[in-house]
Amino acid sequence: MEILFRSAAMLGLALAILTQPTETHAPELTVDDVLARHVDAIGGAAAVDAVRNIRIWPQVVEPDFTIEGDYRATRDGRMRVDIYADGERVFSEGIDALGGWQQGGEGAAITEASETATAALDHGIAFNIFGLHDLAARGGEASFDGRATVDGIAYYVVRVVLADGFTRYFYINPESWLIERHRETSALHPDLDAEERPAETIESDFQRHCGVLRAMRTRKIDLETGEEIQRTQARAVVCNADPGTLAIGRSDFVSPPE
């Protein structure tokens, strides 16, 4: 009888445990939680905010050409990128105090850029210098767009809308808290072909520059065709250079990348 009683008591205890409410999953994070973990993972808000200007030398590969670039941008909203092919400057564009501009190579006339092209350059400043922690202060907003499993990773998907309405979806790895992918609908070269198409950019080869972890390689995929439409490799990154050395105005002389 003692054994039976003990068994019945154990069974009752087990049933009591099984019927108690249990926490099978960690509490769901808020979008602010996810962004905070992402910013911490790349170096912290203070490190991001300390970047006053940035210069990147990328190689860009597309189906029909390979070019070298010299990209500069500042926290006050100015930028310039020069494109070189076989050592010759073949195209430049930027934003200065007068607005967006472009030039079709050395010696060509400087013209005003379209609103679409200027907006695309401005989006580059937003994502190359600023962090997602100060999005609201700059007129943007972030919200959850659910979870999405890609290549076995259940990403947090954060929908970011900039002040002008431009929307990008960031895929944040729940283990590393890095943005490994982003998706948007936009034109690859707005002033050459204004058609906007959905694309995914895959980011990799994260390296720390000026205290901030950045992706040095990207692959851009057309989501409708599955074809790779662009690949980039950042060959060097410099931050907080003397502003006088950036040659960021529309008429400034620039030397080709080494």
C-alpha atoms as a PDB file:
ATOM      1  CA  MET A   1       0.000   0.000   0.000  1.00  0.00           C
ATOM      2  CA  GLU A   2       2.879   2.360   0.751  1.00  0.00           C
ATOM      3  CA  ILE A   3       4.353   1.817  -2.707  1.00  0.00           C
ATOM      4  CA  LEU A   4       0.956   2.367  -4.344  1.00  0.00           C
ATOM      5  CA  PHE A   5       0.409   5.491  -2.281  1.00  0.00           C
ATOM      6  CA  ARG A   6       3.831   6.856  -3.181  1.00  0.00           C
ATOM      7  CA  SER A   7       3.204   6.103  -6.877  1.00  0.00           C
ATOM      8  CA  ALA A   8      -0.165   7.820  -6.755  1.00  0.00           C
ATOM      9  CA  ALA A   9       1.381  10.803  -5.028  1.00  0.00           C
ATOM     10  CA  MET A  10       4.127  11.035  -7.656  1.00  0.00           C
ATOM     11  CA  LEU A  11       1.543  10.770 -10.433  1.00  0.00           C
ATOM     12  CA  GLY A  12      -0.474  13.571  -8.848  1.00  0.00           C
ATOM     13  CA  LEU A  13       2.645  15.723  -8.594  1.00  0.00           C
ATOM     14  CA  ALA A  14       3.521  15.067 -12.238  1.00  0.00           C
ATOM     15  CA  LEU A  15      -0.003  15.966 -13.357  1.00  0.00           C
ATOM     16  CA  ALA A  16       0.149  19.157 -11.292  1.00  0.00           C
ATOM     17  CA  ILE A  17       3.427  20.145 -12.949  1.00  0.00           C
ATOM     18  CA  LEU A  18       2.097  19.357 -16.427  1.00  0.00           C
ATOM     19  CA  THR A  19      -0.995  21.451 -15.925  1.00  0.00           C
ATOM     20  CA  GLN A  20       0.919  24.522 -14.666  1.00  0.00           C
ATOM     21  CA  PRO A  21       1.385  27.297 -17.266  1.00  0.00           C
ATOM     22  CA  THR A  22       4.912  27.220 -18.695  1.00  0.00           C
ATOM     23  CA  GLU A  23       6.993  29.749 -20.636  1.00  0.00           C
ATOM     24  CA  THR A  24       8.057  27.821 -23.745  1.00  0.00           C
ATOM     25  CA  HIS A  25       9.464  30.831 -25.592  1.00  0.00           C
ATOM     26  CA  ALA A  26      11.345  33.900 -24.525  1.00  0.00           C
ATOM     27  CA  PRO A  27       9.208  37.038 -24.516  1.00  0.00           C
ATOM     28  CA  GLU A  28       8.983  38.522 -27.999  1.00  0.00           C
ATOM     29  CA  LEU A  29      11.289  41.465 -28.486  1.00  0.00           C
ATOM     30  CA  THR A  30      10.046  44.870 -29.516  1.00  0.00           C
ATOM     31  CA  VAL A  31      11.383  46.578 -32.614  1.00  0.00           C
ATOM     32  CA  ASP A  32      13.303  48.952 -30.335  1.00  0.00           C
ATOM     33  CA  ASP A  33      14.894  45.946 -28.592  1.00  0.00           C
ATOM     34  CA  VAL A  34      16.021  44.469 -31.909  1.00  0.00           C
ATOM     35  CA  LEU A  35      17.433  47.746 -33.188  1.00  0.00           C
ATOM     36  CA  ALA A  36      19.247  48.341 -29.894  1.00  0.00           C
ATOM     37  CA  ARG A  37      20.880  44.900 -30.088  1.00  0.00           C
ATOM     38  CA  HIS A  38      21.830  45.528 -33.698  1.00  0.00           C
ATOM     39  CA  VAL A  39      23.425  48.890 -32.893  1.00  0.00           C
ATOM     40  CA  ASP A  40      25.328  47.333 -29.976  1.00  0.00           C
ATOM     41  CA  ALA A  41      26.536  44.520 -32.258  1.00  0.00           C
ATOM     42  CA  ILE A  42      28.047  46.901 -34.804  1.00  0.00           C
ATOM     43  CA  GLY A  43      29.883  48.921 -32.166  1.00  0.00           C
ATOM     44  CA  GLY A  44      27.364  50.991 -30.235  1.00  0.00           C
ATOM     45  CA  ALA A  45      25.560  54.267 -30.764  1.00  0.00           C
ATOM     46  CA  ALA A  46      28.510  56.380 -29.618  1.00  0.00           C
ATOM     47  CA  ALA A  47      30.809  54.807 -32.233  1.00  0.00           C
ATOM     48  CA  VAL A  48      28.259  55.312 -35.013  1.00  0.00           C
ATOM     49  CA  ASP A  49      27.599  58.909 -33.979  1.00  0.00           C
ATOM     50  CA  ALA A  50      31.345  59.646 -33.938  1.00  0.00           C
ATOM     51  CA  VAL A  51      31.600  59.086 -37.709  1.00  0.00           C
ATOM     52  CA  ARG A  52      31.434  62.583 -39.183  1.00  0.00           C
ATOM     53  CA  ASN A  53      32.419  61.605 -42.712  1.00  0.00           C
ATOM     54  CA  ILE A  54      33.254  58.439 -44.580  1.00  0.00           C
ATOM     55  CA  ARG A  55      35.189  57.524 -47.718  1.00  0.00           C
ATOM     56  CA  ILE A  56      34.823  54.135 -49.388  1.00  0.00           C
ATOM     57  CA  TRP A  57      36.679  52.774 -52.412  1.00  0.00           C
ATOM     58  CA  PRO A  58      34.432  50.046 -53.897  1.00  0.00           C
ATOM     59  CA  GLN A  59      34.795  47.836 -56.916  1.00  0.00           C
ATOM     60  CA  VAL A  60      31.414  47.396 -58.591  1.00  0.00           C
ATOM     61  CA  VAL A  61      30.689  44.482 -60.909  1.00  0.00           C
ATOM     62  CA  GLU A  62      27.571  44.360 -63.068  1.00  0.00           C
ATOM     63  CA  PRO A  63      26.756  42.028 -65.985  1.00  0.00           C
ATOM     64  CA  ASP A  64      28.137  44.456 -68.590  1.00  0.00           C
ATOM     65  CA  PHE A  65      31.030  46.177 -66.823  1.00  0.00           C
ATOM     66  CA  THR A  66      33.424  46.414 -63.880  1.00  0.00           C
ATOM     67  CA  ILE A  67      34.265  49.825 -62.426  1.00  0.00           C
ATOM     68  CA  GLU A  68      36.129  51.383 -59.515  1.00  0.00           C
ATOM     69  CA  GLY A  69      34.502  53.984 -57.282  1.00  0.00           C
ATOM     70  CA  ASP A  70      35.513  56.691 -54.843  1.00  0.00           C
ATOM     71  CA  TYR A  71      32.574  57.459 -52.526  1.00  0.00           C
ATOM     72  CA  ARG A  72      32.548  60.245 -49.936  1.00  0.00           C
ATOM     73  CA  ALA A  73      29.723  61.377 -47.659  1.00  0.00           C
ATOM     74  CA  THR A  74      29.375  63.671 -44.663  1.00  0.00           C
ATOM     75  CA  ARG A  75      26.977  63.829 -41.741  1.00  0.00           C
ATOM     76  CA  ASP A  76      25.798  67.277 -42.886  1.00  0.00           C
ATOM     77  CA  GLY A  77      24.196  65.757 -45.997  1.00  0.00           C
ATOM     78  CA  ARG A  78      26.847  66.246 -48.693  1.00  0.00           C
ATOM     79  CA  MET A  79      28.293  63.468 -50.819  1.00  0.00           C
ATOM     80  CA  ARG A  80      30.147  62.724 -54.037  1.00  0.00           C
ATOM     81  CA  VAL A  81      31.010  59.546 -55.906  1.00  0.00           C
ATOM     82  CA  ASP A  82      33.442  59.317 -58.818  1.00  0.00           C
ATOM     83  CA  ILE A  83      33.398  56.326 -61.171  1.00  0.00           C
ATOM     84  CA  TYR A  84      36.512  55.140 -62.985  1.00  0.00           C
ATOM     85  CA  ALA A  85      36.953  52.661 -65.835  1.00  0.00           C
ATOM     86  CA  ASP A  86      40.484  51.721 -66.922  1.00  0.00           C
ATOM     87  CA  GLY A  87      41.838  54.584 -64.810  1.00  0.00           C
ATOM     88  CA  GLU A  88      39.664  57.245 -66.465  1.00  0.00           C
ATOM     89  CA  ARG A  89      36.918  59.120 -64.649  1.00  0.00           C
ATOM     90  CA  VAL A  90      33.778  58.347 -66.624  1.00  0.00           C
ATOM     91  CA  PHE A  91      31.024  59.609 -64.333  1.00  0.00           C
ATOM     92  CA  SER A  92      30.530  61.646 -61.158  1.00  0.00           C
ATOM     93  CA  GLU A  93      27.494  62.632 -59.139  1.00  0.00           C
ATOM     94  CA  GLY A  94      26.774  64.129 -55.771  1.00  0.00           C
ATOM     95  CA  ILE A  95      24.853  66.420 -53.466  1.00  0.00           C
ATOM     96  CA  ASP A  96      26.216  69.785 -52.368  1.00  0.00           C
ATOM     97  CA  ALA A  97      24.782  73.061 -51.082  1.00  0.00           C
ATOM     98  CA  LEU A  98      23.100  73.625 -54.463  1.00  0.00           C
ATOM     99  CA  GLY A  99      21.460  70.201 -54.619  1.00  0.00           C
ATOM    100  CA  GLY A 100      22.003  67.071 -56.691  1.00  0.00           C
ATOM    101  CA  TRP A 101      24.314  67.147 -59.697  1.00  0.00           C
ATOM    102  CA  GLN A 102      26.068  64.835 -62.150  1.00  0.00           C
ATOM    103  CA  GLN A 103      28.836  64.920 -64.708  1.00  0.00           C
ATOM    104  CA  GLY A 104      29.370  62.469 -67.542  1.00  0.00           C
ATOM    105  CA  GLY A 105      33.131  62.155 -67.206  1.00  0.00           C
ATOM    106  CA  GLU A 106      36.189  64.384 -67.191  1.00  0.00           C
ATOM    107  CA  GLY A 107      35.560  67.703 -68.949  1.00  0.00           C
ATOM    108  CA  ALA A 108      31.841  67.102 -69.507  1.00  0.00           C
ATOM    109  CA  ALA A 109      29.225  69.654 -68.502  1.00  0.00           C
ATOM    110  CA  ILE A 110      27.909  69.488 -64.959  1.00  0.00           C
ATOM    111  CA  THR A 111      24.123  69.166 -64.917  1.00  0.00           C
ATOM    112  CA  GLU A 112      21.448  69.051 -62.263  1.00  0.00           C
ATOM    113  CA  ALA A 113      20.432  65.532 -61.220  1.00  0.00           C
ATOM    114  CA  SER A 114      16.817  64.424 -61.296  1.00  0.00           C
ATOM    115  CA  GLU A 115      14.828  64.347 -58.071  1.00  0.00           C
ATOM    116  CA  THR A 116      14.826  60.547 -58.196  1.00  0.00           C
ATOM    117  CA  ALA A 117      18.597  60.320 -58.582  1.00  0.00           C
ATOM    118  CA  THR A 118      19.185  62.905 -55.856  1.00  0.00           C
ATOM    119  CA  ALA A 119      16.860  61.010 -53.496  1.00  0.00           C
ATOM    120  CA  ALA A 120      18.783  57.777 -54.152  1.00  0.00           C
ATOM    121  CA  LEU A 121      22.060  59.509 -53.263  1.00  0.00           C
ATOM    122  CA  ASP A 122      20.486  60.900 -50.101  1.00  0.00           C
ATOM    123  CA  HIS A 123      19.345  57.413 -49.101  1.00  0.00           C
ATOM    124  CA  GLY A 124      22.968  56.303 -49.416  1.00  0.00           C
ATOM    125  CA  ILE A 125      24.018  58.972 -46.925  1.00  0.00           C
ATOM    126  CA  ALA A 126      21.294  57.821 -44.525  1.00  0.00           C
ATOM    127  CA  PHE A 127      22.474  54.215 -44.540  1.00  0.00           C
ATOM    128  CA  ASN A 128      26.248  54.709 -44.913  1.00  0.00           C
ATOM    129  CA  ILE A 129      26.767  57.165 -42.051  1.00  0.00           C
ATOM    130  CA  PHE A 130      23.761  57.242 -39.752  1.00  0.00           C
ATOM    131  CA  GLY A 131      22.596  54.435 -37.478  1.00  0.00           C
ATOM    132  CA  LEU A 132      19.111  53.022 -37.102  1.00  0.00           C
ATOM    133  CA  HIS A 133      19.049  54.222 -33.489  1.00  0.00           C
ATOM    134  CA  ASP A 134      18.555  57.836 -34.581  1.00  0.00           C
ATOM    135  CA  LEU A 135      16.007  57.104 -37.282  1.00  0.00           C
ATOM    136  CA  ALA A 136      13.132  58.887 -35.528  1.00  0.00           C
ATOM    137  CA  ALA A 137      15.234  62.004 -34.929  1.00  0.00           C
ATOM    138  CA  ARG A 138      15.747  62.251 -38.685  1.00  0.00           C
ATOM    139  CA  GLY A 139      12.059  61.910 -39.523  1.00  0.00           C
ATOM    140  CA  GLY A 140      11.984  58.178 -40.228  1.00  0.00           C
ATOM    141  CA  GLU A 141      10.309  55.259 -38.491  1.00  0.00           C
ATOM    142  CA  ALA A 142      10.805  51.553 -37.948  1.00  0.00           C
ATOM    143  CA  SER A 143       8.306  48.747 -37.414  1.00  0.00           C
ATOM    144  CA  PHE A 144       8.245  44.959 -37.367  1.00  0.00           C
ATOM    145  CA  ASP A 145       7.331  43.107 -40.534  1.00  0.00           C
ATOM    146  CA  GLY A 146       7.326  39.699 -38.872  1.00  0.00           C
ATOM    147  CA  ARG A 147       9.921  36.920 -38.970  1.00  0.00           C
ATOM    148  CA  ALA A 148      11.209  35.393 -42.184  1.00  0.00           C
ATOM    149  CA  THR A 149      13.275  32.221 -42.523  1.00  0.00           C
ATOM    150  CA  VAL A 150      15.895  32.439 -45.259  1.00  0.00           C
ATOM    151  CA  ASP A 151      18.601  29.771 -45.650  1.00  0.00           C
ATOM    152  CA  GLY A 152      17.611  28.326 -42.273  1.00  0.00           C
ATOM    153  CA  ILE A 153      17.861  31.617 -40.343  1.00  0.00           C
ATOM    154  CA  ALA A 154      14.694  33.050 -38.763  1.00  0.00           C
ATOM    155  CA  TYR A 155      15.439  36.727 -39.323  1.00  0.00           C
ATOM    156  CA  TYR A 156      13.761  39.620 -37.592  1.00  0.00           C
ATOM    157  CA  VAL A 157      12.412  41.750 -40.443  1.00  0.00           C
ATOM    158  CA  VAL A 158      12.380  45.477 -39.681  1.00  0.00           C
ATOM    159  CA  ARG A 159      10.576  47.822 -42.031  1.00  0.00           C
ATOM    160  CA  VAL A 160      12.314  51.199 -42.188  1.00  0.00           C
ATOM    161  CA  VAL A 161      10.648  54.214 -43.788  1.00  0.00           C
ATOM    162  CA  LEU A 162      12.747  57.338 -44.303  1.00  0.00           C
ATOM    163  CA  ALA A 163      11.366  60.863 -44.079  1.00  0.00           C
ATOM    164  CA  ASP A 164      10.705  60.975 -47.845  1.00  0.00           C
ATOM    165  CA  GLY A 165       8.763  57.702 -47.797  1.00  0.00           C
ATOM    166  CA  PHE A 166      11.519  55.442 -49.132  1.00  0.00           C
ATOM    167  CA  THR A 167      11.098  51.963 -47.640  1.00  0.00           C
ATOM    168  CA  ARG A 168      13.692  49.266 -46.994  1.00  0.00           C
ATOM    169  CA  TYR A 169      13.287  45.938 -45.183  1.00  0.00           C
ATOM    170  CA  PHE A 170      16.241  44.879 -43.028  1.00  0.00           C
ATOM    171  CA  TYR A 171      16.805  41.216 -42.186  1.00  0.00           C
ATOM    172  CA  ILE A 172      18.556  40.996 -38.801  1.00  0.00           C
ATOM    173  CA  ASN A 173      20.188  37.743 -37.692  1.00  0.00           C
ATOM    174  CA  PRO A 174      18.847  36.819 -34.205  1.00  0.00           C
ATOM    175  CA  GLU A 175      22.248  35.460 -33.135  1.00  0.00           C
ATOM    176  CA  SER A 176      24.757  37.986 -34.482  1.00  0.00           C
ATOM    177  CA  TRP A 177      22.248  40.901 -34.608  1.00  0.00           C
ATOM    178  CA  LEU A 178      23.842  41.979 -37.885  1.00  0.00           C
ATOM    179  CA  ILE A 179      21.884  43.026 -40.951  1.00  0.00           C
ATOM    180  CA  GLU A 180      22.700  40.237 -43.394  1.00  0.00           C
ATOM    181  CA  ARG A 181      20.115  41.112 -46.044  1.00  0.00           C
ATOM    182  CA  HIS A 182      17.913  43.982 -47.056  1.00  0.00           C
ATOM    183  CA  ARG A 183      15.138  44.288 -49.598  1.00  0.00           C
ATOM    184  CA  GLU A 184      13.635  47.247 -51.400  1.00  0.00           C
ATOM    185  CA  THR A 185      11.947  48.261 -54.631  1.00  0.00           C
ATOM    186  CA  SER A 186      14.021  50.838 -56.477  1.00  0.00           C
ATOM    187  CA  ALA A 187      15.836  51.632 -59.728  1.00  0.00           C
ATOM    188  CA  LEU A 188      19.455  50.470 -59.904  1.00  0.00           C
ATOM    189  CA  HIS A 189      20.518  53.512 -61.979  1.00  0.00           C
ATOM    190  CA  PRO A 190      17.614  55.999 -61.776  1.00  0.00           C
ATOM    191  CA  ASP A 191      18.762  58.445 -64.466  1.00  0.00           C
ATOM    192  CA  LEU A 192      19.551  55.671 -66.954  1.00  0.00           C
ATOM    193  CA  ASP A 193      16.537  53.455 -66.305  1.00  0.00           C
ATOM    194  CA  ALA A 194      13.788  54.673 -63.985  1.00  0.00           C
ATOM    195  CA  GLU A 195      12.057  51.287 -63.735  1.00  0.00           C
ATOM    196  CA  GLU A 196      11.830  50.235 -60.097  1.00  0.00           C
ATOM    197  CA  ARG A 197      12.236  46.545 -59.384  1.00  0.00           C
ATOM    198  CA  PRO A 198      12.240  44.483 -56.172  1.00  0.00           C
ATOM    199  CA  ALA A 199      15.723  43.370 -55.198  1.00  0.00           C
ATOM    200  CA  GLU A 200      17.551  41.756 -52.299  1.00  0.00           C
ATOM    201  CA  THR A 201      21.054  42.755 -51.228  1.00  0.00           C
ATOM    202  CA  ILE A 202      23.078  40.134 -49.363  1.00  0.00           C
ATOM    203  CA  GLU A 203      25.745  41.585 -47.068  1.00  0.00           C
ATOM    204  CA  SER A 204      28.884  39.748 -45.924  1.00  0.00           C
ATOM    205  CA  ASP A 205      32.566  40.058 -44.929  1.00  0.00           C
ATOM    206  CA  PHE A 206      31.924  42.308 -41.921  1.00  0.00           C
ATOM    207  CA  GLN A 207      34.938  44.342 -40.831  1.00  0.00           C
ATOM    208  CA  ARG A 208      35.394  47.040 -38.216  1.00  0.00           C
ATOM    209  CA  HIS A 209      36.325  50.521 -39.396  1.00  0.00           C
ATOM    210  CA  CYS A 210      36.369  53.537 -37.051  1.00  0.00           C
ATOM    211  CA  GLY A 211      34.792  51.365 -34.391  1.00  0.00           C
ATOM    212  CA  VAL A 212      31.816  50.350 -36.544  1.00  0.00           C
ATOM    213  CA  LEU A 213      31.275  46.905 -38.066  1.00  0.00           C
ATOM    214  CA  ARG A 214      30.443  47.181 -41.784  1.00  0.00           C
ATOM    215  CA  ALA A 215      29.752  44.754 -44.618  1.00  0.00           C
ATOM    216  CA  MET A 216      32.585  44.919 -47.129  1.00  0.00           C
ATOM    217  CA  ARG A 217      30.880  42.726 -49.744  1.00  0.00           C
ATOM    218  CA  THR A 218      27.374  42.808 -51.206  1.00  0.00           C
ATOM    219  CA  ARG A 219      25.435  40.888 -53.826  1.00  0.00           C
ATOM    220  CA  LYS A 220      22.246  42.366 -55.264  1.00  0.00           C
ATOM    221  CA  ILE A 221      19.663  39.948 -56.653  1.00  0.00           C
ATOM    222  CA  ASP A 222      16.618  40.777 -58.771  1.00  0.00           C
ATOM    223  CA  LEU A 223      13.822  39.100 -56.809  1.00  0.00           C
ATOM    224  CA  GLU A 224      11.663  38.561 -59.902  1.00  0.00           C
ATOM    225  CA  THR A 225      14.307  36.894 -62.092  1.00  0.00           C
ATOM    226  CA  GLY A 226      16.707  35.552 -59.449  1.00  0.00           C
ATOM    227  CA  GLU A 227      19.616  37.028 -61.403  1.00  0.00           C
ATOM    228  CA  GLU A 228      22.549  38.817 -59.795  1.00  0.00           C
ATOM    229  CA  ILE A 229      22.491  42.410 -61.022  1.00  0.00           C
ATOM    230  CA  GLN A 230      25.335  43.899 -58.996  1.00  0.00           C
ATOM    231  CA  ARG A 231      28.228  42.876 -56.793  1.00  0.00           C
ATOM    232  CA  THR A 232      30.428  45.197 -54.733  1.00  0.00           C
ATOM    233  CA  GLN A 233      33.673  44.837 -52.811  1.00  0.00           C
ATOM    234  CA  ALA A 234      34.869  47.698 -50.604  1.00  0.00           C
ATOM    235  CA  ARG A 235      38.648  47.804 -51.013  1.00  0.00           C
ATOM    236  CA  ALA A 236      39.226  50.414 -48.309  1.00  0.00           C
ATOM    237  CA  VAL A 237      37.303  52.561 -45.829  1.00  0.00           C
ATOM    238  CA  VAL A 238      38.445  55.772 -44.143  1.00  0.00           C
ATOM    239  CA  CYS A 239      36.448  57.767 -41.579  1.00  0.00           C
ATOM    240  CA  ASN A 240      36.716  61.271 -40.160  1.00  0.00           C
ATOM    241  CA  ALA A 241      39.200  62.588 -42.691  1.00  0.00           C
ATOM    242  CA  ASP A 242      40.103  66.269 -42.781  1.00  0.00           C
ATOM    243  CA  PRO A 243      37.065  67.760 -44.574  1.00  0.00           C
ATOM    244  CA  GLY A 244      39.412  69.766 -46.771  1.00  0.00           C
ATOM    245  CA  THR A 245      40.810  66.570 -48.293  1.00  0.00           C
ATOM    246  CA  LEU A 246      37.470  65.058 -49.309  1.00  0.00           C
ATOM    247  CA  ALA A 247      37.096  67.047 -52.574  1.00  0.00           C
ATOM    248  CA  ILE A 248      33.358  66.720 -52.249  1.00  0.00           C
ATOM    249  CA  GLY A 249      32.090  69.679 -54.283  1.00  0.00           C
ATOM    250  CA  ARG A 250      30.853  69.432 -57.848  1.00  0.00           C
ATOM    251  CA  SER A 251      33.888  71.261 -59.262  1.00  0.00           C
ATOM    252  CA  ASP A 252      36.570  69.730 -57.031  1.00  0.00           C
ATOM    253  CA  PHE A 253      39.535  67.919 -58.539  1.00  0.00           C
ATOM    254  CA  VAL A 254      39.829  64.254 -57.652  1.00  0.00           C
ATOM    255  CA  SER A 255      42.613  61.797 -58.343  1.00  0.00           C
ATOM    256  CA  PRO A 256      41.872  58.249 -59.520  1.00  0.00           C
ATOM    257  CA  PRO A 257      41.929  55.432 -56.946  1.00  0.00           C
ATOM    258  CA  GLU A 258      45.269  53.700 -56.532  1.00  0.00           C
END
